[in-house]
């Protein structure tokens, strides 16, 4: 299964990876996004995220008038620099109010035991985890109802769409819907706010068999 970013952009104008964060003290919120993972049966993957990332602490501080007009540009630039440390980010542009327009692309092959995170390990929106028994799990970081309410009370929202396109053997998913896509299957999640369920998807990697149960 081959992955070409150019073909995705022509078909989708993809935006961001899906959902859900934890404590608002240190998190990015995705909004107005379209995100996609193409996951091959053997572990080849390509991840794209196009849309907005909102650094929630900065948005909150701006709303509370914490910064002067001289301080604010410096604070925004610090966050921008933090984002672009990851070479997967091809575009990072400030939109004001702690919002950034971003384009992210990453591809590779999962090792038998591997983790791929977006945005990063200490600010996870999406986690891909491979284990030696051949399982590949893709999960959005769970969000507590209290945090979802805080996001709403701050005047923020989280809207977008996340797709997984694969030719692998899928064993578990909670997609909004599943549909054919060329010779593959497309699992689609519609994110309509911070209370939307987080992504859950598990597939069995080709050529790797689950470990046999040990005798008790």
N, C-alpha and C. Protein backbone atom coordinates (compact mmCIF):
# COMPACT_ATOMS: atom_id res chain seq x y z
N UNK A 1 0.86 -1.20 0.00
CA UNK A 1 0.00 0.00 0.00
C UNK A 1 0.89 1.24 0.00
N UNK A 2 0.74 2.07 -0.99
CA UNK A 2 1.59 3.25 -1.11
C UNK A 2 0.85 4.47 -0.60
N UNK A 3 1.61 5.40 -0.04
CA UNK A 3 1.03 6.60 0.54
C UNK A 3 1.68 7.82 -0.09
N UNK A 4 0.89 8.65 -0.70
CA UNK A 4 1.41 9.87 -1.32
C UNK A 4 0.61 11.05 -0.80
N UNK A 5 1.29 11.97 -0.10
CA UNK A 5 0.58 13.11 0.47
C UNK A 5 -0.10 13.94 -0.62
N UNK A 6 0.55 14.06 -1.76
CA UNK A 6 -0.02 14.91 -2.81
C UNK A 6 -1.39 14.41 -3.22
N UNK A 7 -1.56 13.08 -3.30
CA UNK A 7 -2.84 12.54 -3.73
C UNK A 7 -3.92 12.80 -2.69
N UNK A 8 -3.54 12.82 -1.42
CA UNK A 8 -4.53 13.11 -0.38
C UNK A 8 -5.04 14.53 -0.51
N UNK A 9 -4.06 15.47 -0.68
CA UNK A 9 -4.45 16.87 -0.69
C UNK A 9 -5.37 17.15 -1.88
N UNK A 10 -5.09 16.53 -2.99
CA UNK A 10 -5.93 16.73 -4.16
C UNK A 10 -7.35 16.22 -3.88
N UNK A 11 -7.47 15.14 -3.11
CA UNK A 11 -8.78 14.56 -2.87
C UNK A 11 -9.48 15.17 -1.67
N UNK A 12 -8.71 15.57 -0.67
CA UNK A 12 -9.36 15.93 0.59
C UNK A 12 -9.23 17.37 1.08
N UNK A 13 -8.11 18.00 0.98
CA UNK A 13 -7.74 19.21 1.73
C UNK A 13 -7.80 18.89 3.21
N UNK A 14 -7.15 17.81 3.57
CA UNK A 14 -7.28 17.29 4.92
C UNK A 14 -6.90 18.29 6.00
N UNK A 15 -7.47 18.18 7.14
CA UNK A 15 -7.09 19.04 8.23
C UNK A 15 -6.67 18.24 9.42
N UNK A 16 -7.09 18.13 10.48
CA UNK A 16 -6.39 17.78 11.68
C UNK A 16 -6.61 16.43 12.24
N UNK A 17 -5.88 15.99 13.12
CA UNK A 17 -6.06 14.70 13.74
C UNK A 17 -7.08 14.78 14.83
N UNK A 18 -7.66 13.72 15.17
CA UNK A 18 -8.80 13.79 16.03
C UNK A 18 -8.48 13.81 17.47
N UNK A 19 -9.18 13.78 18.19
CA UNK A 19 -9.71 14.48 19.28
C UNK A 19 -9.09 14.21 20.62
N UNK A 20 -9.52 14.90 21.48
CA UNK A 20 -9.58 14.68 22.89
C UNK A 20 -8.27 14.87 23.61
N UNK A 21 -8.31 15.69 24.60
CA UNK A 21 -7.16 15.95 25.43
C UNK A 21 -7.54 15.80 26.88
N UNK A 22 -6.55 15.92 27.70
CA UNK A 22 -6.82 15.84 29.13
C UNK A 22 -6.82 17.21 29.77
N UNK A 23 -5.98 17.40 30.77
CA UNK A 23 -6.00 18.63 31.55
C UNK A 23 -5.71 19.83 30.67
N UNK A 24 -6.51 20.89 30.88
CA UNK A 24 -6.36 22.10 30.07
C UNK A 24 -5.13 22.91 30.45
N UNK A 25 -4.46 22.49 31.48
CA UNK A 25 -3.26 23.23 31.90
C UNK A 25 -2.16 23.16 30.84
N UNK A 26 -2.15 22.12 30.04
CA UNK A 26 -1.10 21.98 29.03
C UNK A 26 -1.63 21.15 27.87
N UNK A 27 -2.42 21.78 26.99
CA UNK A 27 -2.95 20.99 25.88
C UNK A 27 -3.23 21.86 24.67
N UNK A 28 -3.16 21.22 23.52
CA UNK A 28 -3.60 21.80 22.26
C UNK A 28 -4.99 21.27 21.95
N UNK A 29 -5.87 22.14 21.48
CA UNK A 29 -7.20 21.74 21.05
C UNK A 29 -7.27 21.82 19.53
N UNK A 30 -7.75 20.76 18.86
CA UNK A 30 -7.91 20.82 17.41
C UNK A 30 -9.28 21.39 17.05
N UNK A 31 -9.34 22.16 15.98
CA UNK A 31 -10.62 22.72 15.55
C UNK A 31 -10.56 22.99 14.04
N UNK A 32 -11.75 22.97 13.42
CA UNK A 32 -11.87 23.21 11.97
C UNK A 32 -10.85 22.37 11.22
N UNK A 33 -10.90 21.07 11.45
CA UNK A 33 -9.85 20.20 10.92
C UNK A 33 -10.40 19.06 10.07
N UNK A 34 -9.50 18.52 9.30
CA UNK A 34 -9.68 17.24 8.64
C UNK A 34 -8.36 16.50 8.79
N UNK A 35 -8.42 15.31 9.33
CA UNK A 35 -7.21 14.54 9.59
C UNK A 35 -7.37 13.14 9.02
N UNK A 36 -6.25 12.55 8.66
CA UNK A 36 -6.32 11.23 8.07
C UNK A 36 -5.08 10.42 8.41
N UNK A 37 -5.30 9.13 8.69
CA UNK A 37 -4.21 8.17 8.78
C UNK A 37 -4.47 7.10 7.71
N UNK A 38 -3.45 6.86 6.90
CA UNK A 38 -3.49 5.70 6.01
C UNK A 38 -2.57 4.65 6.64
N UNK A 39 -3.18 3.51 6.98
CA UNK A 39 -2.46 2.48 7.71
C UNK A 39 -2.43 1.20 6.89
N UNK A 40 -1.24 0.81 6.43
CA UNK A 40 -1.09 -0.40 5.65
C UNK A 40 -1.15 -1.64 6.52
N UNK A 41 -1.51 -2.75 5.92
CA UNK A 41 -1.64 -4.00 6.66
C UNK A 41 -0.32 -4.45 7.28
N UNK A 42 0.81 -4.02 6.70
CA UNK A 42 2.12 -4.43 7.21
C UNK A 42 2.73 -3.41 8.17
N UNK A 43 2.04 -2.28 8.42
CA UNK A 43 2.54 -1.29 9.37
C UNK A 43 3.05 -0.01 8.76
N UNK A 44 3.02 0.11 7.42
CA UNK A 44 3.32 1.41 6.80
C UNK A 44 2.20 2.38 7.16
N UNK A 45 2.57 3.63 7.45
CA UNK A 45 1.53 4.59 7.80
C UNK A 45 1.88 5.96 7.26
N UNK A 46 0.84 6.77 7.10
CA UNK A 46 1.00 8.18 6.77
C UNK A 46 -0.10 8.94 7.51
N UNK A 47 0.31 9.96 8.23
CA UNK A 47 -0.59 10.75 9.07
C UNK A 47 -0.59 12.19 8.59
N UNK A 48 -1.78 12.76 8.41
CA UNK A 48 -1.87 14.18 8.05
C UNK A 48 -2.83 14.90 8.99
N UNK A 49 -2.57 16.16 9.21
CA UNK A 49 -3.41 17.02 10.04
C UNK A 49 -3.40 18.40 9.43
N UNK A 50 -4.54 18.89 9.02
CA UNK A 50 -4.64 20.24 8.46
C UNK A 50 -5.79 20.96 9.15
N UNK A 51 -5.50 22.07 9.78
CA UNK A 51 -6.55 22.80 10.47
C UNK A 51 -5.97 23.72 11.53
N UNK A 52 -6.69 23.85 12.63
CA UNK A 52 -6.28 24.75 13.71
C UNK A 52 -5.84 23.97 14.93
N UNK A 53 -4.80 24.47 15.59
CA UNK A 53 -4.44 24.05 16.93
C UNK A 53 -4.57 25.27 17.83
N UNK A 54 -5.24 25.09 18.94
CA UNK A 54 -5.42 26.18 19.91
C UNK A 54 -4.67 25.79 21.18
N UNK A 55 -3.72 26.64 21.58
CA UNK A 55 -3.04 26.39 22.85
C UNK A 55 -3.93 26.96 23.95
N UNK A 56 -4.63 26.07 24.65
CA UNK A 56 -5.68 26.47 25.57
C UNK A 56 -5.19 27.42 26.67
N UNK A 57 -4.02 27.17 27.29
CA UNK A 57 -3.58 28.10 28.34
C UNK A 57 -3.37 29.53 27.83
N UNK A 58 -2.82 29.66 26.61
CA UNK A 58 -2.60 31.00 26.06
C UNK A 58 -3.93 31.67 25.74
N UNK A 59 -4.87 30.92 25.17
CA UNK A 59 -6.20 31.47 24.88
C UNK A 59 -6.84 31.98 26.16
N UNK A 60 -6.76 31.19 27.22
CA UNK A 60 -7.35 31.57 28.50
C UNK A 60 -6.69 32.84 29.04
N UNK A 61 -5.35 32.89 28.97
CA UNK A 61 -4.64 34.06 29.50
C UNK A 61 -4.97 35.33 28.71
N UNK A 62 -5.13 35.19 27.40
CA UNK A 62 -5.51 36.34 26.58
C UNK A 62 -6.90 36.83 26.95
N UNK A 63 -7.81 35.88 27.15
CA UNK A 63 -9.18 36.25 27.55
C UNK A 63 -9.19 36.97 28.90
N UNK A 64 -8.23 36.62 29.76
CA UNK A 64 -8.15 37.24 31.08
C UNK A 64 -7.23 38.46 31.11
N UNK A 65 -6.81 38.95 29.91
CA UNK A 65 -5.97 40.15 29.79
C UNK A 65 -4.68 40.05 30.61
N UNK A 66 -4.05 38.90 30.55
CA UNK A 66 -2.85 38.69 31.34
C UNK A 66 -1.65 39.40 30.73
N UNK A 67 -1.65 39.61 29.41
CA UNK A 67 -0.48 40.16 28.73
C UNK A 67 -0.71 41.58 28.24
N UNK A 68 0.36 42.36 28.22
CA UNK A 68 0.30 43.67 27.60
C UNK A 68 0.45 43.50 26.09
N UNK A 69 0.22 44.59 25.35
CA UNK A 69 0.33 44.53 23.89
C UNK A 69 1.77 44.23 23.46
N UNK A 70 2.75 44.56 24.31
CA UNK A 70 4.15 44.25 24.01
C UNK A 70 4.49 42.79 24.32
N UNK A 71 3.88 42.25 25.36
CA UNK A 71 4.19 40.88 25.79
C UNK A 71 3.56 39.83 24.88
N UNK A 72 2.36 40.11 24.39
CA UNK A 72 1.58 39.09 23.68
C UNK A 72 2.30 38.51 22.46
N UNK A 73 2.89 39.34 21.57
CA UNK A 73 3.59 38.75 20.42
C UNK A 73 4.70 37.79 20.82
N UNK A 74 5.40 38.09 21.91
CA UNK A 74 6.47 37.21 22.37
C UNK A 74 5.91 35.88 22.85
N UNK A 75 4.78 35.93 23.55
CA UNK A 75 4.15 34.69 24.04
C UNK A 75 3.70 33.82 22.87
N UNK A 76 3.11 34.45 21.87
CA UNK A 76 2.64 33.72 20.69
C UNK A 76 3.82 33.09 19.95
N UNK A 77 4.92 33.82 19.83
CA UNK A 77 6.09 33.30 19.13
C UNK A 77 6.70 32.11 19.87
N UNK A 78 6.66 32.13 21.21
CA UNK A 78 7.18 31.01 21.99
C UNK A 78 6.39 29.74 21.69
N UNK A 79 5.08 29.86 21.59
CA UNK A 79 4.25 28.69 21.28
C UNK A 79 4.52 28.22 19.86
N UNK A 80 4.65 29.16 18.93
CA UNK A 80 4.92 28.78 17.54
C UNK A 80 6.24 28.01 17.45
N UNK A 81 7.26 28.49 18.15
CA UNK A 81 8.56 27.82 18.15
C UNK A 81 8.45 26.41 18.74
N UNK A 82 7.61 26.27 19.76
CA UNK A 82 7.41 24.96 20.37
C UNK A 82 6.80 23.98 19.38
N UNK A 83 5.84 24.45 18.59
CA UNK A 83 5.18 23.58 17.61
C UNK A 83 6.15 23.15 16.52
N UNK A 84 6.92 24.09 15.98
CA UNK A 84 7.76 23.78 14.81
C UNK A 84 8.99 22.95 15.17
N UNK A 85 9.20 22.63 16.45
CA UNK A 85 10.27 21.70 16.81
C UNK A 85 10.08 20.35 16.15
N UNK A 86 8.84 20.00 15.87
CA UNK A 86 8.54 18.75 15.18
C UNK A 86 8.60 18.99 13.68
N UNK A 87 9.49 18.34 12.95
CA UNK A 87 9.63 18.60 11.51
C UNK A 87 8.42 18.17 10.70
N UNK A 88 7.50 17.43 11.32
CA UNK A 88 6.28 17.06 10.61
C UNK A 88 5.39 18.26 10.32
N UNK A 89 5.56 19.35 11.07
CA UNK A 89 4.76 20.55 10.83
C UNK A 89 5.36 21.31 9.65
N UNK A 90 4.61 21.37 8.56
CA UNK A 90 5.07 22.05 7.34
C UNK A 90 4.66 23.52 7.33
N UNK A 91 3.56 23.84 8.00
CA UNK A 91 3.06 25.21 8.09
C UNK A 91 2.58 25.45 9.51
N UNK A 92 3.01 26.56 10.12
CA UNK A 92 2.51 26.99 11.42
C UNK A 92 2.36 28.51 11.37
N UNK A 93 1.12 28.99 11.37
CA UNK A 93 0.87 30.43 11.26
C UNK A 93 -0.08 30.85 12.38
N UNK A 94 0.29 31.92 13.09
CA UNK A 94 -0.57 32.43 14.15
C UNK A 94 -1.83 33.06 13.55
N UNK A 95 -2.97 32.74 14.15
CA UNK A 95 -4.25 33.33 13.77
C UNK A 95 -4.75 34.29 14.85
N UNK A 96 -3.92 34.49 15.89
CA UNK A 96 -4.33 35.32 17.01
C UNK A 96 -5.11 34.53 18.04
N UNK A 97 -5.22 35.05 19.25
CA UNK A 97 -6.00 34.45 20.33
C UNK A 97 -5.52 33.03 20.69
N UNK A 98 -4.22 32.77 20.49
CA UNK A 98 -3.71 31.45 20.83
C UNK A 98 -4.01 30.38 19.80
N UNK A 99 -4.50 30.77 18.63
CA UNK A 99 -4.85 29.83 17.56
C UNK A 99 -3.74 29.82 16.51
N UNK A 100 -3.49 28.63 15.96
CA UNK A 100 -2.47 28.48 14.93
C UNK A 100 -3.02 27.64 13.79
N UNK A 101 -2.85 28.13 12.57
CA UNK A 101 -3.17 27.33 11.39
C UNK A 101 -1.97 26.44 11.12
N UNK A 102 -2.21 25.12 11.03
CA UNK A 102 -1.09 24.21 10.86
C UNK A 102 -1.36 23.20 9.74
N UNK A 103 -0.27 22.73 9.16
CA UNK A 103 -0.29 21.61 8.23
C UNK A 103 0.79 20.63 8.69
N UNK A 104 0.37 19.40 8.91
CA UNK A 104 1.27 18.38 9.46
C UNK A 104 1.23 17.14 8.59
N UNK A 105 2.41 16.59 8.29
CA UNK A 105 2.50 15.37 7.49
C UNK A 105 3.65 14.51 8.02
N UNK A 106 3.36 13.26 8.22
CA UNK A 106 4.39 12.33 8.69
C UNK A 106 4.10 10.95 8.13
N UNK A 107 5.14 10.24 7.72
CA UNK A 107 4.94 8.88 7.26
C UNK A 107 6.12 8.02 7.66
N UNK A 108 5.90 6.71 7.70
CA UNK A 108 6.96 5.79 8.09
C UNK A 108 6.42 4.37 8.18
N UNK A 109 7.15 3.53 8.87
CA UNK A 109 6.72 2.15 9.11
C UNK A 109 6.84 1.86 10.59
N UNK A 110 5.80 1.32 11.18
CA UNK A 110 5.81 1.01 12.60
C UNK A 110 6.75 -0.15 12.88
N UNK A 111 7.53 -0.03 13.93
CA UNK A 111 8.33 -1.14 14.43
C UNK A 111 7.40 -2.12 15.16
N UNK A 112 7.88 -3.33 15.47
CA UNK A 112 7.02 -4.27 16.19
C UNK A 112 6.46 -3.69 17.49
N UNK A 113 7.29 -2.91 18.18
CA UNK A 113 6.84 -2.19 19.37
C UNK A 113 7.14 -0.70 19.14
N UNK A 114 6.09 0.10 19.03
CA UNK A 114 6.32 1.48 18.59
C UNK A 114 5.17 2.37 19.05
N UNK A 115 5.46 3.67 19.16
CA UNK A 115 4.44 4.67 19.45
C UNK A 115 4.66 5.90 18.58
N UNK A 116 3.59 6.41 18.03
CA UNK A 116 3.61 7.66 17.27
C UNK A 116 2.56 8.57 17.89
N UNK A 117 2.97 9.78 18.28
CA UNK A 117 2.03 10.69 18.93
C UNK A 117 1.86 11.97 18.13
N UNK A 118 0.67 12.54 18.23
CA UNK A 118 0.39 13.86 17.70
C UNK A 118 -0.42 14.60 18.76
N UNK A 119 -0.03 15.71 19.27
CA UNK A 119 1.02 16.59 18.83
C UNK A 119 2.38 16.08 19.33
N UNK A 120 2.46 15.74 20.61
CA UNK A 120 3.66 15.13 21.18
C UNK A 120 3.27 14.42 22.46
N UNK A 121 4.26 13.74 23.06
CA UNK A 121 3.94 12.86 24.18
C UNK A 121 3.34 13.58 25.38
N UNK A 122 3.73 14.83 25.61
CA UNK A 122 3.17 15.55 26.75
C UNK A 122 1.98 16.41 26.38
N UNK A 123 1.49 16.27 25.16
CA UNK A 123 0.30 17.01 24.71
C UNK A 123 -0.36 16.18 23.59
N UNK A 124 -0.92 15.03 23.98
CA UNK A 124 -1.42 14.08 23.00
C UNK A 124 -2.83 14.41 22.55
N UNK A 125 -3.02 14.48 21.25
CA UNK A 125 -4.35 14.47 20.65
C UNK A 125 -4.62 13.07 20.11
N UNK A 126 -3.58 12.45 19.54
CA UNK A 126 -3.74 11.16 18.90
C UNK A 126 -2.52 10.29 19.18
N UNK A 127 -2.76 9.00 19.44
CA UNK A 127 -1.68 8.06 19.72
C UNK A 127 -1.85 6.81 18.86
N UNK A 128 -0.79 6.45 18.12
CA UNK A 128 -0.73 5.18 17.41
C UNK A 128 0.24 4.29 18.17
N UNK A 129 -0.21 3.10 18.57
CA UNK A 129 0.64 2.21 19.35
C UNK A 129 0.66 0.82 18.74
N UNK A 130 1.87 0.32 18.43
CA UNK A 130 2.05 -1.03 17.91
C UNK A 130 2.67 -1.90 18.99
N UNK A 131 2.20 -3.15 19.09
CA UNK A 131 2.73 -4.08 20.07
C UNK A 131 3.23 -5.35 19.37
N UNK A 132 4.15 -6.09 20.00
CA UNK A 132 4.78 -7.24 19.34
C UNK A 132 3.81 -8.33 18.89
N UNK A 133 2.61 -8.39 19.48
CA UNK A 133 1.63 -9.40 19.07
C UNK A 133 0.93 -9.05 17.77
N UNK A 134 1.33 -7.92 17.15
CA UNK A 134 0.77 -7.54 15.86
C UNK A 134 -0.38 -6.57 15.92
N UNK A 135 -0.81 -6.20 17.10
CA UNK A 135 -1.91 -5.24 17.22
C UNK A 135 -1.41 -3.82 16.97
N UNK A 136 -2.21 -3.04 16.27
CA UNK A 136 -1.98 -1.61 16.10
C UNK A 136 -3.23 -0.89 16.59
N UNK A 137 -3.09 -0.09 17.64
CA UNK A 137 -4.21 0.65 18.22
C UNK A 137 -4.04 2.13 17.94
N UNK A 138 -5.12 2.78 17.55
CA UNK A 138 -5.14 4.22 17.33
C UNK A 138 -6.20 4.80 18.25
N UNK A 139 -5.79 5.69 19.14
CA UNK A 139 -6.72 6.24 20.12
C UNK A 139 -6.55 7.74 20.26
N UNK A 140 -7.67 8.42 20.42
CA UNK A 140 -7.64 9.80 20.85
C UNK A 140 -7.52 9.83 22.36
N UNK A 141 -6.82 10.84 22.89
CA UNK A 141 -6.69 10.96 24.34
C UNK A 141 -8.05 11.32 24.93
N UNK A 142 -8.47 10.59 25.94
CA UNK A 142 -9.79 10.81 26.52
C UNK A 142 -9.93 12.18 27.16
N UNK A 143 -11.11 12.72 27.10
CA UNK A 143 -11.38 14.02 27.72
C UNK A 143 -12.46 13.86 28.78
N UNK A 144 -12.21 14.39 29.94
CA UNK A 144 -13.17 14.29 31.04
C UNK A 144 -14.34 15.25 30.78
N UNK A 145 -15.55 14.87 31.22
CA UNK A 145 -16.70 15.78 31.05
C UNK A 145 -16.45 17.16 31.65
N UNK A 146 -15.72 17.22 32.78
CA UNK A 146 -15.45 18.51 33.40
C UNK A 146 -14.57 19.38 32.51
N UNK A 147 -13.59 18.75 31.82
CA UNK A 147 -12.73 19.50 30.90
C UNK A 147 -13.51 19.92 29.66
N UNK A 148 -14.40 19.05 29.19
CA UNK A 148 -15.24 19.40 28.04
C UNK A 148 -16.11 20.60 28.37
N UNK A 149 -16.64 20.64 29.57
CA UNK A 149 -17.46 21.78 29.99
C UNK A 149 -16.61 23.05 30.08
N UNK A 150 -15.37 22.91 30.59
CA UNK A 150 -14.48 24.06 30.68
C UNK A 150 -14.19 24.63 29.29
N UNK A 151 -13.94 23.74 28.32
CA UNK A 151 -13.70 24.17 26.95
C UNK A 151 -14.89 24.96 26.42
N UNK A 152 -16.08 24.43 26.65
CA UNK A 152 -17.30 25.10 26.19
C UNK A 152 -17.48 26.44 26.88
N UNK A 153 -17.25 26.48 28.19
CA UNK A 153 -17.41 27.72 28.96
C UNK A 153 -16.42 28.79 28.52
N UNK A 154 -15.25 28.36 27.99
CA UNK A 154 -14.24 29.31 27.51
C UNK A 154 -14.62 29.88 26.14
N UNK A 155 -15.69 29.36 25.55
CA UNK A 155 -16.10 29.83 24.22
C UNK A 155 -15.39 29.11 23.10
N UNK A 156 -14.77 27.96 23.40
CA UNK A 156 -14.05 27.19 22.39
C UNK A 156 -14.89 26.01 21.93
N UNK A 157 -14.58 25.50 20.77
CA UNK A 157 -15.22 24.29 20.28
C UNK A 157 -14.18 23.42 19.58
N UNK A 158 -14.58 22.21 19.24
CA UNK A 158 -13.69 21.28 18.56
C UNK A 158 -14.52 20.59 17.48
N UNK A 159 -14.31 20.98 16.26
CA UNK A 159 -15.09 20.43 15.15
C UNK A 159 -14.15 19.96 14.04
N UNK A 160 -14.50 18.85 13.42
CA UNK A 160 -13.68 18.36 12.33
C UNK A 160 -14.02 16.93 11.96
N UNK A 161 -13.16 16.34 11.18
CA UNK A 161 -13.36 14.97 10.73
C UNK A 161 -12.03 14.24 10.72
N UNK A 162 -12.07 12.98 11.16
CA UNK A 162 -10.88 12.14 11.20
C UNK A 162 -11.17 10.85 10.45
N UNK A 163 -10.27 10.45 9.56
CA UNK A 163 -10.42 9.22 8.79
C UNK A 163 -9.24 8.29 9.02
N UNK A 164 -9.51 6.99 9.02
CA UNK A 164 -8.48 5.97 8.90
C UNK A 164 -8.81 5.16 7.66
N UNK A 165 -7.86 5.08 6.75
CA UNK A 165 -8.03 4.28 5.53
C UNK A 165 -7.02 3.13 5.61
N UNK A 166 -7.52 1.90 5.48
CA UNK A 166 -6.64 0.75 5.70
C UNK A 166 -7.06 -0.45 4.86
N UNK A 167 -6.09 -1.32 4.62
CA UNK A 167 -6.36 -2.63 4.05
C UNK A 167 -6.08 -3.72 5.07
N UNK A 168 -5.94 -3.32 6.34
CA UNK A 168 -5.65 -4.26 7.41
C UNK A 168 -6.91 -4.90 7.98
N UNK A 169 -6.70 -5.93 8.80
CA UNK A 169 -7.79 -6.63 9.46
C UNK A 169 -8.18 -5.85 10.72
N UNK A 170 -9.31 -5.15 10.66
CA UNK A 170 -9.76 -4.32 11.78
C UNK A 170 -10.57 -5.18 12.74
N UNK A 171 -10.21 -5.15 14.02
CA UNK A 171 -10.90 -5.97 15.02
C UNK A 171 -11.85 -5.17 15.90
N UNK A 172 -11.58 -3.88 16.09
CA UNK A 172 -12.41 -3.04 16.95
C UNK A 172 -12.37 -1.61 16.44
N UNK A 173 -13.54 -0.94 16.47
CA UNK A 173 -13.56 0.49 16.15
C UNK A 173 -14.86 1.09 16.65
N UNK A 174 -14.85 2.41 16.86
CA UNK A 174 -16.07 3.12 17.22
C UNK A 174 -16.36 4.25 16.23
N UNK A 175 -16.04 4.01 14.96
CA UNK A 175 -16.21 5.03 13.92
C UNK A 175 -17.67 5.45 13.78
N UNK A 176 -17.85 6.70 13.35
CA UNK A 176 -19.19 7.19 13.05
C UNK A 176 -19.80 6.39 11.91
N UNK A 177 -18.98 6.08 10.91
CA UNK A 177 -19.43 5.20 9.83
C UNK A 177 -18.21 4.59 9.14
N UNK A 178 -18.48 3.50 8.41
CA UNK A 178 -17.44 2.79 7.66
C UNK A 178 -17.92 2.66 6.23
N UNK A 179 -17.02 2.92 5.26
CA UNK A 179 -17.41 2.87 3.86
C UNK A 179 -16.23 2.44 3.01
N UNK A 180 -16.51 1.87 1.82
CA UNK A 180 -15.41 1.49 0.92
C UNK A 180 -14.68 2.72 0.41
N UNK A 181 -13.38 2.57 0.20
CA UNK A 181 -12.56 3.63 -0.40
C UNK A 181 -11.58 2.95 -1.34
N UNK A 182 -11.87 3.03 -2.64
CA UNK A 182 -11.08 2.29 -3.63
C UNK A 182 -11.03 0.82 -3.22
N UNK A 183 -9.86 0.25 -3.03
CA UNK A 183 -9.78 -1.16 -2.62
C UNK A 183 -9.61 -1.31 -1.11
N UNK A 184 -9.79 -0.23 -0.34
CA UNK A 184 -9.59 -0.22 1.10
C UNK A 184 -10.91 0.04 1.81
N UNK A 185 -10.85 0.10 3.14
CA UNK A 185 -11.98 0.52 3.95
C UNK A 185 -11.65 1.84 4.62
N UNK A 186 -12.63 2.70 4.67
CA UNK A 186 -12.46 4.01 5.28
C UNK A 186 -13.32 4.10 6.54
N UNK A 187 -12.66 4.37 7.67
CA UNK A 187 -13.34 4.52 8.97
C UNK A 187 -13.35 6.02 9.29
N UNK A 188 -14.53 6.56 9.51
CA UNK A 188 -14.69 8.01 9.58
C UNK A 188 -15.32 8.41 10.93
N UNK A 189 -14.71 9.40 11.56
CA UNK A 189 -15.24 9.95 12.81
C UNK A 189 -15.59 11.42 12.58
N UNK A 190 -16.80 11.81 12.94
CA UNK A 190 -17.22 13.21 12.89
C UNK A 190 -17.11 13.79 14.30
N UNK A 191 -16.32 14.84 14.44
CA UNK A 191 -16.13 15.49 15.73
C UNK A 191 -16.99 16.75 15.74
N UNK A 192 -17.95 16.79 16.65
CA UNK A 192 -18.91 17.90 16.68
C UNK A 192 -18.83 18.71 17.95
N UNK A 193 -17.75 18.56 18.70
CA UNK A 193 -17.58 19.32 19.92
C UNK A 193 -16.76 18.54 20.93
N UNK A 194 -16.43 19.16 22.07
CA UNK A 194 -15.56 18.51 23.06
C UNK A 194 -16.19 17.31 23.74
N UNK A 195 -17.52 17.15 23.61
CA UNK A 195 -18.17 15.99 24.21
C UNK A 195 -18.23 14.80 23.26
N UNK A 196 -17.74 14.93 22.03
CA UNK A 196 -17.74 13.82 21.08
C UNK A 196 -16.85 12.69 21.59
N UNK A 197 -17.23 11.43 21.31
CA UNK A 197 -16.39 10.30 21.75
C UNK A 197 -15.01 10.37 21.11
N UNK A 198 -14.00 9.95 21.85
CA UNK A 198 -12.64 9.92 21.30
C UNK A 198 -12.47 8.70 20.40
N UNK A 199 -11.56 8.80 19.47
CA UNK A 199 -11.30 7.74 18.50
C UNK A 199 -10.79 6.48 19.19
N UNK A 200 -11.32 5.32 18.75
CA UNK A 200 -10.79 4.03 19.19
C UNK A 200 -10.81 3.09 17.99
N UNK A 201 -9.64 2.51 17.68
CA UNK A 201 -9.49 1.68 16.49
C UNK A 201 -8.36 0.69 16.74
N UNK A 202 -8.61 -0.60 16.44
CA UNK A 202 -7.58 -1.63 16.61
C UNK A 202 -7.58 -2.51 15.37
N UNK A 203 -6.39 -2.79 14.84
CA UNK A 203 -6.25 -3.71 13.71
C UNK A 203 -5.15 -4.72 14.00
N UNK A 204 -5.20 -5.84 13.28
CA UNK A 204 -4.18 -6.87 13.39
C UNK A 204 -3.24 -6.76 12.21
N UNK A 205 -1.98 -6.63 12.50
CA UNK A 205 -0.97 -6.45 11.47
C UNK A 205 -0.78 -7.73 10.65
N UNK A 206 -0.59 -7.58 9.37
CA UNK A 206 -0.39 -8.74 8.49
C UNK A 206 0.94 -9.41 8.77
N UNK A 207 0.93 -10.76 8.79
CA UNK A 207 2.16 -11.51 8.97
C UNK A 207 2.60 -11.63 10.41
N UNK A 208 1.82 -11.09 11.35
CA UNK A 208 2.14 -11.21 12.78
C UNK A 208 0.92 -11.80 13.47
N UNK A 209 1.12 -12.91 14.18
CA UNK A 209 0.00 -13.58 14.83
C UNK A 209 -0.03 -13.22 16.30
N UNK A 210 -1.23 -13.07 16.85
CA UNK A 210 -1.32 -12.79 18.29
C UNK A 210 -0.65 -13.89 19.11
N UNK A 211 -0.10 -13.52 20.24
CA UNK A 211 0.57 -14.49 21.10
C UNK A 211 -0.41 -15.56 21.58
N UNK A 212 0.05 -16.81 21.61
CA UNK A 212 -0.81 -17.89 22.09
C UNK A 212 -0.97 -17.75 23.60
N UNK A 213 -2.18 -18.05 24.11
CA UNK A 213 -2.36 -17.99 25.57
C UNK A 213 -1.50 -19.03 26.27
N UNK A 214 -0.94 -18.64 27.38
CA UNK A 214 -0.13 -19.60 28.15
C UNK A 214 -1.03 -20.48 28.99
N UNK A 215 -0.62 -21.70 29.23
CA UNK A 215 -1.40 -22.61 30.07
C UNK A 215 -1.36 -22.14 31.52
N UNK A 216 -2.53 -22.16 32.11
CA UNK A 216 -2.64 -21.72 33.50
C UNK A 216 -2.26 -22.88 34.44
